[in-house]
Amino acid sequence: MIALVGKQSVRVREVHPEIINRDPISGMSEDRVYKITSEILPPAPNSVFIKDQENGDIKRIKPGYYQDEEEAKKHCYFDLRSYASAYKCNEETEKVYESWYY
């Protein structure tokens, strides 16, 4: 995230955090563990999801799927595409299932 825009949107650009572990699931997917840092990472040279890497795209934040309003705010997310979402990471690492099926 580059910046907040109002109360319900963020300006974002795509980055590539460090992968600290890979566990292949199939020839076209794997579980990856990413190192989460508070440092601002450089923009990804070849973005898949963000059109304007220099200025960042604006995305609308959605509350998480929690009944408790405070928990929903902690786990907010936004859609990148119909098949991909981004969300706030609250830990030092994040395990993610990724696939590249077409």
N, C-alpha and C. Protein backbone atom coordinates (compact mmCIF):
# COMPACT_ATOMS: atom_id res chain seq x y z
N MET A 1 0.84 -1.17 0.00
CA MET A 1 0.00 0.00 0.00
C MET A 1 0.89 1.24 0.00
N ILE A 2 0.56 2.18 -0.84
CA ILE A 2 1.30 3.43 -0.90
C ILE A 2 0.67 4.46 0.04
N ALA A 3 -0.68 4.57 0.00
CA ALA A 3 -1.36 5.59 0.82
C ALA A 3 -2.83 5.27 0.97
N LEU A 4 -3.43 5.80 2.03
CA LEU A 4 -4.88 5.76 2.18
C LEU A 4 -5.47 6.85 1.31
N VAL A 5 -6.64 6.57 0.73
CA VAL A 5 -7.35 7.56 -0.07
C VAL A 5 -8.76 7.62 0.51
N GLY A 6 -9.03 8.64 1.30
CA GLY A 6 -10.31 8.72 1.99
C GLY A 6 -10.39 7.65 3.07
N LYS A 7 -11.61 7.21 3.39
CA LYS A 7 -11.80 6.24 4.47
C LYS A 7 -11.92 4.81 3.96
N GLN A 8 -12.21 4.63 2.66
CA GLN A 8 -12.49 3.28 2.19
C GLN A 8 -11.69 2.85 0.97
N SER A 9 -10.60 3.55 0.67
CA SER A 9 -9.79 3.18 -0.49
C SER A 9 -8.31 3.30 -0.17
N VAL A 10 -7.50 2.58 -0.94
CA VAL A 10 -6.05 2.64 -0.81
C VAL A 10 -5.43 2.77 -2.19
N ARG A 11 -4.26 3.38 -2.22
CA ARG A 11 -3.46 3.44 -3.45
C ARG A 11 -2.39 2.37 -3.29
N VAL A 12 -2.31 1.44 -4.24
CA VAL A 12 -1.39 0.31 -4.12
C VAL A 12 -0.56 0.13 -5.38
N ARG A 13 0.58 -0.52 -5.18
CA ARG A 13 1.38 -0.97 -6.31
C ARG A 13 1.88 -2.37 -5.97
N GLU A 14 2.15 -3.13 -6.99
CA GLU A 14 2.56 -4.53 -6.80
C GLU A 14 4.04 -4.61 -6.46
N VAL A 15 4.36 -5.42 -5.46
CA VAL A 15 5.73 -5.66 -5.04
C VAL A 15 5.96 -7.17 -4.97
N HIS A 16 7.20 -7.55 -4.87
CA HIS A 16 7.54 -8.96 -4.73
C HIS A 16 8.31 -9.16 -3.43
N PRO A 17 7.61 -9.53 -2.33
CA PRO A 17 8.34 -9.78 -1.08
C PRO A 17 9.21 -11.03 -1.19
N GLU A 18 10.14 -11.15 -0.28
CA GLU A 18 11.06 -12.28 -0.29
C GLU A 18 10.31 -13.59 0.03
N ILE A 19 10.53 -14.61 -0.79
CA ILE A 19 9.97 -15.94 -0.53
C ILE A 19 10.98 -16.68 0.34
N ILE A 20 10.55 -17.14 1.52
CA ILE A 20 11.48 -17.83 2.41
C ILE A 20 11.28 -19.35 2.40
N ASN A 21 10.18 -19.82 1.79
CA ASN A 21 9.98 -21.27 1.66
C ASN A 21 8.99 -21.56 0.54
N ARG A 22 9.26 -22.63 -0.21
CA ARG A 22 8.37 -23.10 -1.28
C ARG A 22 8.09 -24.57 -1.08
N ASP A 23 6.83 -24.95 -1.17
CA ASP A 23 6.43 -26.35 -1.03
C ASP A 23 5.56 -26.71 -2.22
N PRO A 24 6.12 -27.39 -3.24
CA PRO A 24 5.35 -27.72 -4.44
C PRO A 24 4.13 -28.60 -4.10
N ILE A 25 3.01 -28.25 -4.71
CA ILE A 25 1.78 -29.02 -4.56
C ILE A 25 1.56 -29.86 -5.82
N SER A 26 1.79 -29.24 -6.96
CA SER A 26 1.68 -29.91 -8.26
C SER A 26 2.67 -29.21 -9.20
N GLY A 27 2.66 -29.59 -10.45
CA GLY A 27 3.53 -28.94 -11.42
C GLY A 27 3.13 -27.50 -11.71
N MET A 28 1.92 -27.13 -11.29
CA MET A 28 1.41 -25.79 -11.57
C MET A 28 0.95 -25.04 -10.33
N SER A 29 1.38 -25.47 -9.13
CA SER A 29 1.00 -24.76 -7.92
C SER A 29 1.98 -25.08 -6.79
N GLU A 30 1.99 -24.19 -5.78
CA GLU A 30 2.82 -24.42 -4.61
C GLU A 30 2.35 -23.56 -3.45
N ASP A 31 2.69 -23.98 -2.25
CA ASP A 31 2.53 -23.16 -1.06
C ASP A 31 3.81 -22.35 -0.92
N ARG A 32 3.67 -21.05 -0.74
CA ARG A 32 4.83 -20.18 -0.56
C ARG A 32 4.71 -19.45 0.77
N VAL A 33 5.83 -19.29 1.45
CA VAL A 33 5.88 -18.50 2.68
C VAL A 33 6.67 -17.24 2.35
N TYR A 34 6.02 -16.09 2.52
CA TYR A 34 6.63 -14.80 2.25
C TYR A 34 7.05 -14.13 3.55
N LYS A 35 8.16 -13.43 3.51
CA LYS A 35 8.61 -12.62 4.64
C LYS A 35 7.88 -11.28 4.57
N ILE A 36 7.19 -10.93 5.65
CA ILE A 36 6.45 -9.66 5.71
C ILE A 36 7.32 -8.64 6.43
N THR A 37 7.43 -7.46 5.86
CA THR A 37 8.26 -6.41 6.41
C THR A 37 7.50 -5.09 6.39
N SER A 38 7.86 -4.19 7.26
CA SER A 38 7.24 -2.86 7.26
C SER A 38 7.97 -1.91 6.32
N GLU A 39 9.07 -2.38 5.73
CA GLU A 39 9.82 -1.56 4.78
C GLU A 39 9.02 -1.40 3.49
N ILE A 40 9.19 -0.27 2.85
CA ILE A 40 8.55 -0.06 1.55
C ILE A 40 9.39 -0.77 0.50
N LEU A 41 8.80 -1.72 -0.17
CA LEU A 41 9.50 -2.50 -1.19
C LEU A 41 9.41 -1.80 -2.54
N PRO A 42 10.40 -2.00 -3.41
CA PRO A 42 10.33 -1.39 -4.74
C PRO A 42 9.21 -2.02 -5.55
N PRO A 43 8.66 -1.27 -6.49
CA PRO A 43 7.59 -1.84 -7.32
C PRO A 43 8.09 -3.02 -8.14
N ALA A 44 7.22 -3.97 -8.40
CA ALA A 44 7.57 -5.12 -9.23
C ALA A 44 7.84 -4.63 -10.66
N PRO A 45 8.91 -5.12 -11.30
CA PRO A 45 9.23 -4.65 -12.65
C PRO A 45 8.17 -5.04 -13.68
N ASN A 46 7.54 -6.18 -13.49
CA ASN A 46 6.50 -6.65 -14.41
C ASN A 46 5.24 -6.95 -13.60
N SER A 47 4.36 -5.97 -13.49
CA SER A 47 3.18 -6.13 -12.67
C SER A 47 2.12 -6.96 -13.39
N VAL A 48 1.46 -7.83 -12.65
CA VAL A 48 0.37 -8.64 -13.19
C VAL A 48 -0.97 -7.98 -12.90
N PHE A 49 -1.10 -7.32 -11.74
CA PHE A 49 -2.39 -6.84 -11.28
C PHE A 49 -2.57 -5.32 -11.30
N ILE A 50 -1.50 -4.55 -11.29
CA ILE A 50 -1.59 -3.10 -11.16
C ILE A 50 -1.19 -2.44 -12.48
N LYS A 51 -2.06 -1.58 -13.00
CA LYS A 51 -1.79 -0.92 -14.28
C LYS A 51 -0.75 0.19 -14.14
N ASP A 52 -0.88 1.02 -13.09
CA ASP A 52 -0.02 2.18 -12.93
C ASP A 52 0.96 1.95 -11.77
N GLN A 53 2.06 1.29 -12.05
CA GLN A 53 3.03 0.97 -11.00
C GLN A 53 3.71 2.24 -10.44
N GLU A 54 3.85 3.28 -11.26
CA GLU A 54 4.53 4.49 -10.78
C GLU A 54 3.68 5.23 -9.76
N ASN A 55 2.41 5.45 -10.06
CA ASN A 55 1.53 6.20 -9.17
C ASN A 55 0.67 5.30 -8.29
N GLY A 56 0.51 4.05 -8.67
CA GLY A 56 -0.32 3.12 -7.91
C GLY A 56 -1.79 3.23 -8.30
N ASP A 57 -2.46 2.09 -8.35
CA ASP A 57 -3.89 2.06 -8.63
C ASP A 57 -4.67 2.27 -7.33
N ILE A 58 -5.86 2.82 -7.47
CA ILE A 58 -6.73 2.99 -6.31
C ILE A 58 -7.67 1.80 -6.23
N LYS A 59 -7.74 1.18 -5.06
CA LYS A 59 -8.61 0.02 -4.83
C LYS A 59 -9.51 0.30 -3.63
N ARG A 60 -10.75 -0.11 -3.71
CA ARG A 60 -11.71 0.07 -2.61
C ARG A 60 -11.55 -1.05 -1.59
N ILE A 61 -11.42 -0.68 -0.33
CA ILE A 61 -11.27 -1.64 0.76
C ILE A 61 -12.64 -2.23 1.12
N LYS A 62 -12.64 -3.54 1.38
CA LYS A 62 -13.86 -4.21 1.84
C LYS A 62 -13.59 -4.76 3.23
N PRO A 63 -14.60 -4.76 4.09
CA PRO A 63 -14.38 -5.33 5.44
C PRO A 63 -14.22 -6.84 5.35
N GLY A 64 -13.48 -7.41 6.30
CA GLY A 64 -13.32 -8.86 6.36
C GLY A 64 -14.63 -9.54 6.71
N TYR A 65 -14.64 -10.85 6.62
CA TYR A 65 -15.85 -11.63 6.89
C TYR A 65 -15.97 -11.97 8.37
N TYR A 66 -16.16 -10.95 9.19
CA TYR A 66 -16.26 -11.15 10.63
C TYR A 66 -17.48 -10.41 11.16
N GLN A 67 -18.20 -11.02 12.11
CA GLN A 67 -19.37 -10.37 12.71
C GLN A 67 -18.93 -9.16 13.53
N ASP A 68 -17.82 -9.30 14.24
CA ASP A 68 -17.31 -8.21 15.07
C ASP A 68 -16.71 -7.14 14.15
N GLU A 69 -17.20 -5.93 14.26
CA GLU A 69 -16.76 -4.84 13.38
C GLU A 69 -15.26 -4.55 13.49
N GLU A 70 -14.70 -4.62 14.70
CA GLU A 70 -13.27 -4.36 14.87
C GLU A 70 -12.43 -5.45 14.20
N GLU A 71 -12.85 -6.72 14.31
CA GLU A 71 -12.15 -7.82 13.63
C GLU A 71 -12.25 -7.66 12.12
N ALA A 72 -13.41 -7.24 11.64
CA ALA A 72 -13.58 -7.03 10.20
C ALA A 72 -12.62 -5.96 9.68
N LYS A 73 -12.41 -4.90 10.47
CA LYS A 73 -11.48 -3.84 10.07
C LYS A 73 -10.04 -4.35 10.03
N LYS A 74 -9.67 -5.21 10.97
CA LYS A 74 -8.30 -5.75 11.02
C LYS A 74 -7.98 -6.63 9.82
N HIS A 75 -9.00 -7.26 9.28
CA HIS A 75 -8.80 -8.23 8.19
C HIS A 75 -9.40 -7.76 6.87
N CYS A 76 -9.31 -6.45 6.62
CA CYS A 76 -9.87 -5.90 5.39
C CYS A 76 -9.11 -6.40 4.16
N TYR A 77 -9.73 -6.30 3.00
CA TYR A 77 -9.11 -6.76 1.76
C TYR A 77 -9.64 -5.94 0.59
N PHE A 78 -9.07 -6.16 -0.60
CA PHE A 78 -9.59 -5.58 -1.82
C PHE A 78 -9.34 -6.55 -2.95
N ASP A 79 -10.16 -6.45 -4.00
CA ASP A 79 -10.04 -7.34 -5.14
C ASP A 79 -9.03 -6.81 -6.14
N LEU A 80 -8.17 -7.71 -6.62
CA LEU A 80 -7.23 -7.38 -7.69
C LEU A 80 -7.82 -7.76 -9.04
N ARG A 81 -8.41 -8.91 -9.10
CA ARG A 81 -9.10 -9.45 -10.27
C ARG A 81 -10.24 -10.32 -9.74
N SER A 82 -11.02 -10.90 -10.62
CA SER A 82 -12.11 -11.77 -10.18
C SER A 82 -11.59 -13.00 -9.45
N TYR A 83 -10.33 -13.37 -9.69
CA TYR A 83 -9.75 -14.57 -9.11
C TYR A 83 -8.68 -14.29 -8.05
N ALA A 84 -8.46 -13.02 -7.70
CA ALA A 84 -7.38 -12.69 -6.76
C ALA A 84 -7.76 -11.50 -5.88
N SER A 85 -7.46 -11.63 -4.59
CA SER A 85 -7.68 -10.55 -3.63
C SER A 85 -6.39 -10.28 -2.87
N ALA A 86 -6.29 -9.10 -2.29
CA ALA A 86 -5.15 -8.75 -1.43
C ALA A 86 -5.72 -8.37 -0.07
N TYR A 87 -4.97 -8.67 0.98
CA TYR A 87 -5.44 -8.37 2.33
C TYR A 87 -4.26 -8.02 3.22
N LYS A 88 -4.58 -7.38 4.34
CA LYS A 88 -3.57 -6.94 5.28
C LYS A 88 -2.94 -8.15 5.97
N CYS A 89 -1.63 -8.17 6.05
CA CYS A 89 -0.90 -9.24 6.74
C CYS A 89 -0.57 -8.76 8.15
N ASN A 90 -0.92 -9.55 9.14
CA ASN A 90 -0.70 -9.16 10.53
C ASN A 90 0.43 -9.92 11.20
N GLU A 91 1.15 -10.73 10.47
CA GLU A 91 2.22 -11.57 11.03
C GLU A 91 3.56 -11.22 10.37
N GLU A 92 4.64 -11.88 10.79
CA GLU A 92 5.96 -11.66 10.21
C GLU A 92 6.17 -12.48 8.93
N THR A 93 5.37 -13.53 8.78
CA THR A 93 5.40 -14.33 7.55
C THR A 93 3.96 -14.59 7.13
N GLU A 94 3.78 -14.94 5.87
CA GLU A 94 2.46 -15.24 5.34
C GLU A 94 2.55 -16.44 4.41
N LYS A 95 1.81 -17.51 4.72
CA LYS A 95 1.77 -18.69 3.87
C LYS A 95 0.61 -18.55 2.89
N VAL A 96 0.91 -18.72 1.60
CA VAL A 96 -0.06 -18.49 0.55
C VAL A 96 -0.03 -19.63 -0.45
N TYR A 97 -1.18 -20.14 -0.83
CA TYR A 97 -1.28 -21.11 -1.92
C TYR A 97 -1.34 -20.32 -3.22
N GLU A 98 -0.46 -20.65 -4.17
CA GLU A 98 -0.46 -19.98 -5.46
C GLU A 98 -0.46 -21.01 -6.57
N SER A 99 -1.26 -20.71 -7.61
CA SER A 99 -1.27 -21.59 -8.78
C SER A 99 -1.21 -20.73 -10.03
N TRP A 100 -0.76 -21.30 -11.10
CA TRP A 100 -0.64 -20.58 -12.35
C TRP A 100 -1.29 -21.37 -13.48
N TYR A 101 -2.43 -21.98 -13.16
CA TYR A 101 -3.26 -22.65 -14.16
C TYR A 101 -3.91 -21.60 -15.04
N TYR A 102 -4.10 -21.94 -16.29
CA TYR A 102 -4.75 -21.01 -17.22
C TYR A 102 -6.11 -21.49 -17.58
